[in-house]
Amino acid sequence: MRRSRWAGALALAGAVTALGAGPAQAQGYRYWSFWDGAGGTWAYATQGPATLRPADGAVAGFRFTVSAESSAVDRPRAAADFGKLCSGTPQKSGTKRVGVVVDFGSAADAPDGERPPRERTACARVPEDASAGEALAAVAKPLRYDAQGLLCGVAGYPEAGCAEQVSGSGTSEPKAPGKPSAGADGDGGPSAGLLGGGAAVVVLGAAAVWQARRRRG
């Protein structure tokens, strides 16, 4: 049963990647992007927040955005400045400190009928083995994920939906199979486009779930 679930996740990822390889269209996705602030500079994360385990002194960024181009994903607007974010949080044995920046995006990127909250910055003190997702949960609950482990909502925003495909005007359309998130190239954008990045997250999320079930089983 475990092998069949894993095989199914790989098959889904392959299908999404194939879709991402098609001709570019004037459509994008509304989703939470995940950023690594190592060295004080934002770079598109190469793992999902559930699998990346940052070290003490790291900064994790989350930006709600609408993007149709893999090289034009909006970064968090606050600086990835661990010293500023965690200046009042001393080191403590058995824990680590992770600076967290949550950028809820612009009004233009908001779903119909919703207004983005103000930007949130914090210093999360979490166990040494905590993931970036757990650091986010420590300072911005509630979080909402879909069945594949894709981050859909932070601090209750948005209220519903997950990586909807939108038209060039920002109007929501039916959800597509591909969901953008992790996957990066040298200049900080998703390496295989938004849909290809979604395939990477499906695989990473499925792997995390499969491994957790294996440990419990």
N, C-alpha and C. Protein backbone atom coordinates (compact mmCIF):
# COMPACT_ATOMS: atom_id res chain seq x y z
N MET A 1 0.82 -1.20 0.00
CA MET A 1 0.00 0.00 0.00
C MET A 1 0.87 1.26 0.00
N ARG A 2 1.93 1.25 0.83
CA ARG A 2 2.81 2.42 0.88
C ARG A 2 3.47 2.67 -0.46
N ARG A 3 3.94 1.58 -1.09
CA ARG A 3 4.60 1.73 -2.40
C ARG A 3 3.63 2.28 -3.44
N SER A 4 2.38 1.83 -3.38
CA SER A 4 1.40 2.29 -4.36
C SER A 4 1.12 3.78 -4.18
N ARG A 5 1.06 4.25 -2.93
CA ARG A 5 0.85 5.68 -2.70
C ARG A 5 2.01 6.50 -3.25
N TRP A 6 3.23 6.03 -2.99
CA TRP A 6 4.42 6.73 -3.48
C TRP A 6 4.44 6.74 -5.01
N ALA A 7 4.09 5.60 -5.62
CA ALA A 7 4.07 5.53 -7.09
C ALA A 7 3.02 6.49 -7.64
N GLY A 8 1.90 6.60 -6.94
CA GLY A 8 0.86 7.52 -7.40
C GLY A 8 1.33 8.95 -7.34
N ALA A 9 2.07 9.31 -6.28
CA ALA A 9 2.59 10.67 -6.16
C ALA A 9 3.57 10.98 -7.28
N LEU A 10 4.42 10.01 -7.61
CA LEU A 10 5.38 10.23 -8.70
C LEU A 10 4.66 10.38 -10.04
N ALA A 11 3.61 9.58 -10.23
CA ALA A 11 2.87 9.68 -11.48
C ALA A 11 2.22 11.06 -11.61
N LEU A 12 1.64 11.56 -10.49
CA LEU A 12 1.04 12.88 -10.51
C LEU A 12 2.07 13.95 -10.82
N ALA A 13 3.24 13.84 -10.19
CA ALA A 13 4.29 14.82 -10.44
C ALA A 13 4.70 14.82 -11.90
N GLY A 14 4.82 13.64 -12.49
CA GLY A 14 5.20 13.56 -13.89
C GLY A 14 4.18 14.21 -14.79
N ALA A 15 2.90 14.02 -14.46
CA ALA A 15 1.84 14.62 -15.27
C ALA A 15 1.88 16.13 -15.17
N VAL A 16 2.11 16.65 -13.96
CA VAL A 16 2.18 18.09 -13.78
C VAL A 16 3.35 18.69 -14.52
N THR A 17 4.51 18.01 -14.46
CA THR A 17 5.68 18.49 -15.17
C THR A 17 5.43 18.56 -16.67
N ALA A 18 4.75 17.55 -17.20
CA ALA A 18 4.44 17.54 -18.62
C ALA A 18 3.56 18.73 -18.99
N LEU A 19 2.59 19.07 -18.10
CA LEU A 19 1.75 20.23 -18.37
C LEU A 19 2.57 21.51 -18.35
N GLY A 20 3.53 21.58 -17.41
CA GLY A 20 4.35 22.78 -17.30
C GLY A 20 5.24 22.99 -18.50
N ALA A 21 5.51 21.94 -19.27
CA ALA A 21 6.40 22.06 -20.41
C ALA A 21 5.68 22.59 -21.64
N GLY A 22 4.36 22.77 -21.56
CA GLY A 22 3.59 23.22 -22.71
C GLY A 22 3.82 24.68 -23.01
N PRO A 23 3.16 25.21 -24.07
CA PRO A 23 3.33 26.60 -24.47
C PRO A 23 2.90 27.54 -23.35
N ALA A 24 3.61 28.66 -23.20
CA ALA A 24 3.26 29.65 -22.20
C ALA A 24 1.93 30.28 -22.54
N GLN A 25 1.10 30.54 -21.51
CA GLN A 25 -0.18 31.17 -21.69
C GLN A 25 -0.25 32.40 -20.80
N ALA A 26 -1.18 33.32 -21.13
CA ALA A 26 -1.34 34.54 -20.35
C ALA A 26 -2.17 34.25 -19.12
N GLN A 27 -1.73 33.30 -18.34
CA GLN A 27 -2.41 32.92 -17.11
C GLN A 27 -1.36 32.70 -16.03
N GLY A 28 -1.78 32.85 -14.81
CA GLY A 28 -0.86 32.63 -13.71
C GLY A 28 -1.55 31.87 -12.60
N TYR A 29 -0.91 31.89 -11.42
CA TYR A 29 -1.44 31.21 -10.25
C TYR A 29 -1.39 32.14 -9.06
N ARG A 30 -2.38 32.04 -8.21
CA ARG A 30 -2.43 32.78 -6.95
C ARG A 30 -2.04 31.82 -5.85
N TYR A 31 -0.91 32.06 -5.20
CA TYR A 31 -0.41 31.05 -4.26
C TYR A 31 0.58 31.66 -3.27
N TRP A 32 0.92 30.88 -2.24
CA TRP A 32 1.93 31.25 -1.27
C TRP A 32 3.29 30.75 -1.76
N SER A 33 4.20 31.66 -2.04
CA SER A 33 5.56 31.28 -2.42
C SER A 33 6.43 31.23 -1.16
N PHE A 34 7.46 30.43 -1.21
CA PHE A 34 8.32 30.20 -0.05
C PHE A 34 9.75 30.59 -0.39
N TRP A 35 10.40 31.36 0.50
CA TRP A 35 11.70 31.94 0.24
C TRP A 35 12.70 31.65 1.35
N ASP A 36 13.94 31.47 0.96
CA ASP A 36 15.05 31.25 1.89
C ASP A 36 15.85 32.54 1.98
N GLY A 37 16.00 33.05 3.21
CA GLY A 37 16.71 34.32 3.38
C GLY A 37 18.15 34.16 3.82
N ALA A 38 18.78 33.06 3.44
CA ALA A 38 20.17 32.81 3.83
C ALA A 38 21.07 33.95 3.34
N GLY A 39 21.94 34.42 4.22
CA GLY A 39 22.87 35.48 3.84
C GLY A 39 22.23 36.84 3.69
N GLY A 40 20.98 36.98 4.12
CA GLY A 40 20.31 38.27 4.03
C GLY A 40 19.71 38.58 2.68
N THR A 41 19.68 37.60 1.77
CA THR A 41 19.13 37.80 0.43
C THR A 41 18.07 36.75 0.16
N TRP A 42 16.92 37.16 -0.37
CA TRP A 42 15.84 36.22 -0.66
C TRP A 42 16.15 35.39 -1.90
N ALA A 43 16.02 34.09 -1.78
CA ALA A 43 16.15 33.17 -2.91
C ALA A 43 14.98 32.19 -2.85
N TYR A 44 14.42 31.87 -3.99
CA TYR A 44 13.29 30.94 -4.02
C TYR A 44 13.74 29.61 -3.43
N ALA A 45 13.00 29.10 -2.45
CA ALA A 45 13.40 27.89 -1.74
C ALA A 45 13.40 26.67 -2.65
N THR A 46 14.36 25.79 -2.44
CA THR A 46 14.47 24.57 -3.25
C THR A 46 13.76 23.39 -2.61
N GLN A 47 13.19 23.59 -1.42
CA GLN A 47 12.38 22.58 -0.77
C GLN A 47 11.10 23.24 -0.27
N GLY A 48 10.09 22.42 0.03
CA GLY A 48 8.88 22.94 0.62
C GLY A 48 9.08 23.23 2.09
N PRO A 49 8.22 24.07 2.71
CA PRO A 49 8.39 24.43 4.12
C PRO A 49 8.25 23.24 5.06
N ALA A 50 7.59 22.18 4.63
CA ALA A 50 7.43 21.00 5.50
C ALA A 50 8.69 20.15 5.54
N THR A 51 9.59 20.31 4.57
CA THR A 51 10.78 19.47 4.50
C THR A 51 12.07 20.23 4.80
N LEU A 52 12.09 21.54 4.56
CA LEU A 52 13.28 22.33 4.84
C LEU A 52 13.41 22.55 6.35
N ARG A 53 14.58 22.22 6.90
CA ARG A 53 14.82 22.38 8.33
C ARG A 53 15.94 23.41 8.52
N PRO A 54 15.58 24.67 8.69
CA PRO A 54 16.58 25.74 8.77
C PRO A 54 17.39 25.65 10.06
N ALA A 55 18.59 26.18 10.00
CA ALA A 55 19.46 26.23 11.18
C ALA A 55 19.16 27.47 12.00
N ASP A 56 19.69 27.50 13.21
CA ASP A 56 19.58 28.70 14.03
C ASP A 56 20.21 29.87 13.27
N GLY A 57 19.50 30.98 13.19
CA GLY A 57 20.01 32.13 12.46
C GLY A 57 19.48 32.26 11.05
N ALA A 58 18.63 31.33 10.63
CA ALA A 58 18.05 31.37 9.28
C ALA A 58 16.84 32.31 9.25
N VAL A 59 16.44 32.67 8.04
CA VAL A 59 15.24 33.48 7.84
C VAL A 59 14.38 32.80 6.78
N ALA A 60 13.10 32.62 7.09
CA ALA A 60 12.16 32.01 6.15
C ALA A 60 11.14 33.07 5.75
N GLY A 61 10.89 33.18 4.44
CA GLY A 61 9.95 34.18 3.95
C GLY A 61 8.80 33.54 3.20
N PHE A 62 7.62 34.14 3.33
CA PHE A 62 6.42 33.64 2.67
C PHE A 62 5.71 34.83 2.04
N ARG A 63 5.40 34.72 0.74
CA ARG A 63 4.78 35.83 0.03
C ARG A 63 3.58 35.30 -0.76
N PHE A 64 2.41 35.90 -0.52
CA PHE A 64 1.22 35.56 -1.29
C PHE A 64 1.25 36.39 -2.56
N THR A 65 1.13 35.73 -3.69
CA THR A 65 1.37 36.43 -4.95
C THR A 65 0.58 35.82 -6.09
N VAL A 66 0.49 36.56 -7.17
CA VAL A 66 -0.02 36.05 -8.43
C VAL A 66 1.09 36.21 -9.44
N SER A 67 1.45 35.12 -10.11
CA SER A 67 2.54 35.18 -11.08
C SER A 67 2.28 34.26 -12.25
N ALA A 68 2.59 34.75 -13.44
CA ALA A 68 2.48 33.95 -14.64
C ALA A 68 3.85 33.60 -15.20
N GLU A 69 4.90 34.23 -14.69
CA GLU A 69 6.25 34.01 -15.18
C GLU A 69 7.12 33.48 -14.06
N SER A 70 7.85 32.40 -14.32
CA SER A 70 8.68 31.79 -13.28
C SER A 70 9.78 32.72 -12.80
N SER A 71 10.21 33.66 -13.65
CA SER A 71 11.30 34.56 -13.27
C SER A 71 10.80 35.85 -12.63
N ALA A 72 9.48 35.97 -12.45
CA ALA A 72 8.92 37.22 -11.95
C ALA A 72 8.09 37.03 -10.69
N VAL A 73 8.42 36.01 -9.90
CA VAL A 73 7.69 35.78 -8.67
C VAL A 73 8.07 36.85 -7.66
N ASP A 74 7.08 37.46 -7.03
CA ASP A 74 7.34 38.54 -6.08
C ASP A 74 7.98 38.01 -4.81
N ARG A 75 9.07 38.66 -4.41
CA ARG A 75 9.74 38.31 -3.16
C ARG A 75 9.05 39.01 -1.98
N PRO A 76 9.28 38.53 -0.75
CA PRO A 76 8.80 39.28 0.40
C PRO A 76 9.40 40.68 0.40
N ARG A 77 8.61 41.67 0.79
CA ARG A 77 9.10 43.04 0.71
C ARG A 77 9.98 43.44 1.90
N ALA A 78 9.84 42.77 3.03
CA ALA A 78 10.71 43.04 4.17
C ALA A 78 12.06 42.38 3.96
N ALA A 79 13.10 42.95 4.55
CA ALA A 79 14.44 42.41 4.39
C ALA A 79 14.59 41.10 5.15
N ALA A 80 15.46 40.24 4.62
CA ALA A 80 15.78 38.97 5.29
C ALA A 80 16.89 39.23 6.30
N ASP A 81 16.54 39.96 7.35
CA ASP A 81 17.52 40.45 8.32
C ASP A 81 17.33 39.72 9.65
N PHE A 82 18.07 38.64 9.86
CA PHE A 82 17.90 37.87 11.08
C PHE A 82 18.23 38.71 12.32
N GLY A 83 19.28 39.53 12.25
CA GLY A 83 19.66 40.35 13.38
C GLY A 83 18.52 41.25 13.85
N LYS A 84 17.80 41.82 12.92
CA LYS A 84 16.68 42.70 13.26
C LYS A 84 15.48 41.89 13.75
N LEU A 85 15.20 40.78 13.09
CA LEU A 85 14.02 39.99 13.44
C LEU A 85 14.15 39.32 14.80
N CYS A 86 15.35 38.90 15.15
CA CYS A 86 15.54 38.12 16.39
C CYS A 86 16.46 38.80 17.40
N SER A 87 16.57 40.12 17.32
CA SER A 87 17.48 40.83 18.22
C SER A 87 17.09 40.67 19.68
N GLY A 88 15.80 40.49 19.96
CA GLY A 88 15.36 40.36 21.34
C GLY A 88 15.14 38.93 21.78
N THR A 89 15.62 37.97 21.00
CA THR A 89 15.40 36.56 21.32
C THR A 89 16.76 35.88 21.48
N PRO A 90 17.19 35.67 22.72
CA PRO A 90 18.51 35.06 22.94
C PRO A 90 18.50 33.57 22.63
N GLN A 91 19.68 33.02 22.42
CA GLN A 91 19.82 31.59 22.20
C GLN A 91 19.40 30.83 23.45
N LYS A 92 18.88 29.62 23.24
CA LYS A 92 18.46 28.76 24.34
C LYS A 92 18.75 27.32 23.98
N SER A 93 19.35 26.60 24.89
CA SER A 93 19.72 25.21 24.64
C SER A 93 18.51 24.37 24.23
N GLY A 94 18.72 23.53 23.22
CA GLY A 94 17.67 22.64 22.75
C GLY A 94 16.69 23.27 21.78
N THR A 95 16.90 24.54 21.45
CA THR A 95 16.02 25.23 20.51
C THR A 95 16.84 25.97 19.47
N LYS A 96 16.17 26.52 18.49
CA LYS A 96 16.81 27.38 17.50
C LYS A 96 15.88 28.55 17.22
N ARG A 97 16.46 29.60 16.67
CA ARG A 97 15.69 30.80 16.33
C ARG A 97 15.66 30.94 14.81
N VAL A 98 14.45 31.16 14.29
CA VAL A 98 14.26 31.34 12.86
C VAL A 98 13.47 32.63 12.65
N GLY A 99 14.07 33.57 11.92
CA GLY A 99 13.33 34.77 11.56
C GLY A 99 12.27 34.43 10.53
N VAL A 100 11.08 34.97 10.69
CA VAL A 100 9.97 34.66 9.79
C VAL A 100 9.37 35.96 9.26
N VAL A 101 9.24 36.05 7.95
CA VAL A 101 8.59 37.18 7.29
C VAL A 101 7.38 36.65 6.53
N VAL A 102 6.23 37.21 6.82
CA VAL A 102 5.00 36.82 6.13
C VAL A 102 4.45 38.04 5.41
N ASP A 103 4.50 38.01 4.10
CA ASP A 103 4.02 39.11 3.25
C ASP A 103 2.73 38.65 2.58
N PHE A 104 1.61 39.25 2.96
CA PHE A 104 0.31 38.81 2.46
C PHE A 104 -0.01 39.34 1.07
N GLY A 105 0.94 40.00 0.46
CA GLY A 105 0.77 40.44 -0.92
C GLY A 105 -0.03 41.73 -1.04
N SER A 106 -0.29 42.09 -2.28
CA SER A 106 -0.99 43.34 -2.57
C SER A 106 -2.49 43.11 -2.70
N ALA A 107 -3.25 44.22 -2.65
CA ALA A 107 -4.70 44.13 -2.84
C ALA A 107 -5.03 43.58 -4.21
N ALA A 108 -4.18 43.88 -5.20
CA ALA A 108 -4.44 43.40 -6.56
C ALA A 108 -4.33 41.88 -6.65
N ASP A 109 -3.55 41.27 -5.75
CA ASP A 109 -3.37 39.82 -5.77
C ASP A 109 -4.38 39.08 -4.90
N ALA A 110 -5.17 39.82 -4.14
CA ALA A 110 -6.11 39.19 -3.20
C ALA A 110 -7.27 38.53 -3.93
N PRO A 111 -7.78 37.42 -3.40
CA PRO A 111 -8.99 36.82 -3.98
C PRO A 111 -10.17 37.78 -3.84
N ASP A 112 -11.19 37.61 -4.66
CA ASP A 112 -12.36 38.47 -4.62
C ASP A 112 -12.96 38.49 -3.22
N GLY A 113 -13.26 39.68 -2.73
CA GLY A 113 -13.90 39.83 -1.44
C GLY A 113 -12.98 39.77 -0.24
N GLU A 114 -11.67 39.64 -0.46
CA GLU A 114 -10.72 39.58 0.66
C GLU A 114 -9.71 40.73 0.57
N ARG A 115 -9.20 41.09 1.71
CA ARG A 115 -8.19 42.14 1.80
C ARG A 115 -6.96 41.58 2.52
N PRO A 116 -5.78 41.76 1.95
CA PRO A 116 -4.59 41.19 2.60
C PRO A 116 -4.29 41.85 3.94
N PRO A 117 -3.99 41.07 4.97
CA PRO A 117 -3.58 41.65 6.26
C PRO A 117 -2.24 42.37 6.12
N ARG A 118 -1.87 43.08 7.17
CA ARG A 118 -0.58 43.75 7.17
C ARG A 118 0.54 42.72 7.28
N GLU A 119 1.66 43.07 6.73
CA GLU A 119 2.84 42.22 6.80
C GLU A 119 3.14 41.84 8.25
N ARG A 120 3.62 40.61 8.43
CA ARG A 120 3.95 40.13 9.77
C ARG A 120 5.40 39.64 9.80
N THR A 121 6.14 40.09 10.78
CA THR A 121 7.50 39.60 10.98
C THR A 121 7.64 39.14 12.42
N ALA A 122 8.45 38.11 12.64
CA ALA A 122 8.58 37.55 13.98
C ALA A 122 9.85 36.72 14.06
N CYS A 123 10.19 36.37 15.29
CA CYS A 123 11.29 35.43 15.54
C CYS A 123 10.69 34.20 16.19
N ALA A 124 10.75 33.08 15.51
CA ALA A 124 10.19 31.84 16.03
C ALA A 124 11.26 31.07 16.80
N ARG A 125 10.96 30.73 18.05
CA ARG A 125 11.85 29.84 18.80
C ARG A 125 11.22 28.45 18.75
N VAL A 126 11.90 27.52 18.12
CA VAL A 126 11.36 26.19 17.87
C VAL A 126 12.39 25.12 18.22
N PRO A 127 11.97 23.86 18.33
CA PRO A 127 12.94 22.78 18.58
C PRO A 127 14.01 22.73 17.49
N GLU A 128 15.16 22.18 17.82
CA GLU A 128 16.30 22.17 16.90
C GLU A 128 16.01 21.46 15.59
N ASP A 129 15.09 20.47 15.60
CA ASP A 129 14.80 19.72 14.38
C ASP A 129 13.55 20.22 13.68
N ALA A 130 13.04 21.38 14.04
CA ALA A 130 11.80 21.88 13.46
C ALA A 130 11.98 22.28 12.00
N SER A 131 10.91 22.14 11.23
CA SER A 131 10.91 22.55 9.82
C SER A 131 10.55 24.03 9.72
N ALA A 132 10.71 24.58 8.52
CA ALA A 132 10.31 25.97 8.28
C ALA A 132 8.81 26.13 8.47
N GLY A 133 8.05 25.09 8.10
CA GLY A 133 6.61 25.13 8.29
C GLY A 133 6.24 25.20 9.77
N GLU A 134 6.99 24.51 10.61
CA GLU A 134 6.73 24.55 12.05
C GLU A 134 7.11 25.91 12.63
N ALA A 135 8.16 26.51 12.09
CA ALA A 135 8.52 27.87 12.51
C ALA A 135 7.42 28.85 12.13
N LEU A 136 6.87 28.69 10.94
CA LEU A 136 5.76 29.54 10.50
C LEU A 136 4.55 29.35 11.40
N ALA A 137 4.24 28.10 11.72
CA ALA A 137 3.08 27.81 12.57
C ALA A 137 3.24 28.42 13.96
N ALA A 138 4.48 28.56 14.43
CA ALA A 138 4.71 29.10 15.75
C ALA A 138 4.35 30.58 15.85
N VAL A 139 4.30 31.28 14.72
CA VAL A 139 4.07 32.73 14.76
C VAL A 139 2.90 33.20 13.90
N ALA A 140 2.32 32.31 13.09
CA ALA A 140 1.28 32.77 12.15
C ALA A 140 0.15 31.75 11.97
N LYS A 141 -0.30 31.15 13.05
CA LYS A 141 -1.44 30.23 12.96
C LYS A 141 -2.72 31.01 12.67
N PRO A 142 -3.75 30.33 12.08
CA PRO A 142 -3.72 28.93 11.63
C PRO A 142 -3.16 28.81 10.23
N LEU A 143 -2.51 27.66 9.96
CA LEU A 143 -2.06 27.35 8.61
C LEU A 143 -3.04 26.38 7.97
N ARG A 144 -3.12 26.44 6.65
CA ARG A 144 -4.02 25.54 5.91
C ARG A 144 -3.24 24.90 4.77
N TYR A 145 -3.28 23.57 4.69
CA TYR A 145 -2.61 22.82 3.64
C TYR A 145 -3.63 22.02 2.84
N ASP A 146 -3.27 21.66 1.61
CA ASP A 146 -4.15 20.77 0.85
C ASP A 146 -3.70 19.33 1.04
N ALA A 147 -4.36 18.41 0.35
CA ALA A 147 -4.09 16.98 0.54
C ALA A 147 -2.68 16.59 0.13
N GLN A 148 -2.04 17.38 -0.75
CA GLN A 148 -0.67 17.08 -1.19
C GLN A 148 0.38 17.80 -0.33
N GLY A 149 -0.05 18.49 0.72
CA GLY A 149 0.89 19.18 1.59
C GLY A 149 1.30 20.55 1.08
N LEU A 150 0.57 21.12 0.12
CA LEU A 150 0.87 22.46 -0.38
C LEU A 150 0.29 23.50 0.56
N LEU A 151 1.08 24.49 0.93
CA LEU A 151 0.63 25.56 1.81
C LEU A 151 -0.41 26.41 1.09
N CYS A 152 -1.61 26.49 1.67
CA CYS A 152 -2.72 27.20 1.03
C CYS A 152 -3.12 28.48 1.76
N GLY A 153 -2.95 28.51 3.08
CA GLY A 153 -3.36 29.67 3.85
C GLY A 153 -2.45 29.90 5.05
N VAL A 154 -2.18 31.17 5.34
CA VAL A 154 -1.35 31.55 6.48
C VAL A 154 -2.12 32.55 7.32
N ALA A 155 -2.21 32.30 8.62
CA ALA A 155 -2.94 33.17 9.53
C ALA A 155 -4.37 33.40 9.03
N GLY A 156 -4.94 32.36 8.44
CA GLY A 156 -6.31 32.44 7.97
C GLY A 156 -6.50 33.13 6.63
N TYR A 157 -5.39 33.46 5.95
CA TYR A 157 -5.49 34.15 4.66
C TYR A 157 -4.80 33.36 3.56
N PRO A 158 -5.48 33.21 2.41
CA PRO A 158 -6.89 33.53 2.18
C PRO A 158 -7.81 32.53 2.86
N GLU A 159 -9.08 32.85 2.91
CA GLU A 159 -10.03 32.01 3.63
C GLU A 159 -10.25 30.67 2.94
N ALA A 160 -10.13 30.64 1.63
CA ALA A 160 -10.39 29.41 0.89
C ALA A 160 -9.53 29.39 -0.37
N GLY A 161 -9.55 28.27 -1.06
CA GLY A 161 -8.81 28.15 -2.31
C GLY A 161 -7.36 27.75 -2.09
N CYS A 162 -6.75 27.27 -3.17
CA CYS A 162 -5.35 26.86 -3.08
C CYS A 162 -4.73 26.83 -4.47
N ALA A 163 -3.86 27.76 -4.74
CA ALA A 163 -3.14 27.82 -6.00
C ALA A 163 -4.07 27.81 -7.20
N GLU A 164 -5.11 28.68 -7.14
CA GLU A 164 -6.03 28.76 -8.28
C GLU A 164 -5.34 29.37 -9.50
N GLN A 165 -5.72 28.88 -10.64
CA GLN A 165 -5.26 29.49 -11.88
C GLN A 165 -6.08 30.75 -12.10
N VAL A 166 -5.43 31.82 -12.50
CA VAL A 166 -6.12 33.08 -12.73
C VAL A 166 -5.80 33.58 -14.12
N SER A 167 -6.71 34.38 -14.66
CA SER A 167 -6.50 34.97 -15.97
C SER A 167 -5.58 36.17 -15.85
N GLY A 168 -5.26 36.77 -16.96
CA GLY A 168 -4.38 37.94 -16.95
C GLY A 168 -4.96 39.09 -16.16
N SER A 169 -6.30 39.13 -15.99
CA SER A 169 -6.94 40.21 -15.25
C SER A 169 -6.99 39.93 -13.77
N GLY A 170 -6.50 38.74 -13.34
CA GLY A 170 -6.52 38.39 -11.94
C GLY A 170 -7.78 37.66 -11.52
N THR A 171 -8.66 37.32 -12.48
CA THR A 171 -9.89 36.62 -12.17
C THR A 171 -9.62 35.14 -11.97
N SER A 172 -10.17 34.57 -10.92
CA SER A 172 -9.94 33.16 -10.64
C SER A 172 -10.61 32.28 -11.67
N GLU A 173 -9.92 31.19 -12.01
CA GLU A 173 -10.47 30.18 -12.90
C GLU A 173 -10.40 28.84 -12.18
N PRO A 174 -11.01 27.79 -12.73
CA PRO A 174 -10.95 26.49 -12.07
C PRO A 174 -9.52 26.05 -11.81
N LYS A 175 -9.31 25.41 -10.67
CA LYS A 175 -7.97 24.98 -10.27
C LYS A 175 -7.39 24.02 -11.30
N ALA A 176 -6.15 24.24 -11.67
CA ALA A 176 -5.46 23.35 -12.60
C ALA A 176 -4.72 22.28 -11.81
N PRO A 177 -4.33 21.18 -12.47
CA PRO A 177 -3.61 20.12 -11.75
C PRO A 177 -2.29 20.57 -11.19
N GLY A 178 -1.58 21.47 -11.88
CA GLY A 178 -0.28 21.92 -11.41
C GLY A 178 -0.41 23.00 -10.37
N LYS A 179 0.42 22.94 -9.32
CA LYS A 179 0.38 23.93 -8.25
C LYS A 179 1.79 24.44 -8.01
N PRO A 180 2.02 25.75 -8.15
CA PRO A 180 3.37 26.27 -8.03
C PRO A 180 3.81 26.40 -6.59
N SER A 181 5.08 26.16 -6.36
CA SER A 181 5.69 26.48 -5.06
C SER A 181 7.19 26.36 -5.19
N ALA A 182 7.81 25.29 -4.67
CA ALA A 182 9.26 25.25 -4.61
C ALA A 182 9.89 24.86 -5.93
N GLY A 183 11.23 24.99 -5.98
CA GLY A 183 11.99 24.71 -7.20
C GLY A 183 12.67 25.99 -7.63
N ALA A 184 13.98 26.01 -7.74
CA ALA A 184 14.64 27.29 -7.97
C ALA A 184 15.76 27.20 -8.97
N ASP A 185 16.10 28.36 -9.53
CA ASP A 185 17.28 28.44 -10.38
C ASP A 185 18.25 29.42 -9.74
N GLY A 186 19.33 29.74 -10.45
CA GLY A 186 20.37 30.56 -9.85
C GLY A 186 19.96 31.96 -9.49
N ASP A 187 18.95 32.54 -10.20
CA ASP A 187 18.60 33.91 -9.89
C ASP A 187 17.37 34.02 -9.01
N GLY A 188 16.95 32.91 -8.40
CA GLY A 188 15.91 33.00 -7.40
C GLY A 188 14.52 32.67 -7.87
N GLY A 189 14.31 32.32 -9.14
CA GLY A 189 12.98 31.97 -9.63
C GLY A 189 12.84 30.48 -9.78
N PRO A 190 11.60 29.98 -9.87
CA PRO A 190 11.40 28.55 -10.05
C PRO A 190 12.08 28.06 -11.32
N SER A 191 12.76 26.94 -11.24
CA SER A 191 13.61 26.50 -12.34
C SER A 191 12.85 26.01 -13.56
N ALA A 192 11.74 25.31 -13.35
CA ALA A 192 11.02 24.73 -14.49
C ALA A 192 9.68 25.41 -14.71
N GLY A 193 9.54 26.66 -14.30
CA GLY A 193 8.28 27.33 -14.44
C GLY A 193 7.38 27.00 -13.26
N LEU A 194 6.26 27.70 -13.17
CA LEU A 194 5.39 27.52 -12.02
C LEU A 194 4.82 26.13 -11.94
N LEU A 195 4.41 25.57 -13.05
CA LEU A 195 3.82 24.22 -13.00
C LEU A 195 4.88 23.19 -12.67
N GLY A 196 6.07 23.33 -13.24
CA GLY A 196 7.14 22.41 -12.92
C GLY A 196 7.52 22.49 -11.46
N GLY A 197 7.53 23.71 -10.90
CA GLY A 197 7.79 23.88 -9.48
C GLY A 197 6.74 23.18 -8.66
N GLY A 198 5.48 23.20 -9.11
CA GLY A 198 4.42 22.51 -8.41
C GLY A 198 4.67 21.02 -8.36
N ALA A 199 5.20 20.46 -9.42
CA ALA A 199 5.50 19.03 -9.42
C ALA A 199 6.52 18.70 -8.35
N ALA A 200 7.52 19.58 -8.19
CA ALA A 200 8.53 19.34 -7.16
C ALA A 200 7.91 19.32 -5.78
N VAL A 201 6.96 20.22 -5.52
CA VAL A 201 6.32 20.26 -4.21
C VAL A 201 5.45 19.03 -3.98
N VAL A 202 4.76 18.58 -5.03
CA VAL A 202 3.97 17.36 -4.88
C VAL A 202 4.85 16.20 -4.45
N VAL A 203 6.00 16.06 -5.10
CA VAL A 203 6.92 14.97 -4.76
C VAL A 203 7.45 15.13 -3.35
N LEU A 204 7.91 16.34 -3.01
CA LEU A 204 8.48 16.57 -1.68
C LEU A 204 7.44 16.35 -0.60
N GLY A 205 6.23 16.87 -0.82
CA GLY A 205 5.18 16.69 0.16
C GLY A 205 4.80 15.24 0.33
N ALA A 206 4.68 14.52 -0.79
CA ALA A 206 4.33 13.11 -0.72
C ALA A 206 5.43 12.31 -0.02
N ALA A 207 6.68 12.67 -0.29
CA ALA A 207 7.79 11.96 0.35
C ALA A 207 7.76 12.15 1.85
N ALA A 208 7.47 13.38 2.29
CA ALA A 208 7.43 13.65 3.73
C ALA A 208 6.32 12.85 4.40
N VAL A 209 5.14 12.82 3.76
CA VAL A 209 4.01 12.06 4.33
C VAL A 209 4.34 10.57 4.37
N TRP A 210 4.91 10.05 3.26
CA TRP A 210 5.23 8.63 3.18
C TRP A 210 6.24 8.23 4.24
N GLN A 211 7.28 9.06 4.41
CA GLN A 211 8.30 8.75 5.40
C GLN A 211 7.75 8.80 6.81
N ALA A 212 6.86 9.78 7.08
CA ALA A 212 6.27 9.87 8.42
C ALA A 212 5.42 8.64 8.72
N ARG A 213 4.64 8.19 7.73
CA ARG A 213 3.80 7.01 7.94
C ARG A 213 4.66 5.76 8.11
N ARG A 214 5.77 5.74 7.39
CA ARG A 214 6.66 4.57 7.51
C ARG A 214 7.25 4.49 8.91
N ARG A 215 7.66 5.68 9.45
CA ARG A 215 8.21 5.68 10.81
C ARG A 215 7.17 5.25 11.84
N ARG A 216 5.92 5.69 11.66
CA ARG A 216 4.87 5.32 12.61
C ARG A 216 4.47 3.87 12.46
N GLY A 217 4.56 3.34 11.21
CA GLY A 217 4.15 1.96 10.95
C GLY A 217 5.18 0.97 11.39
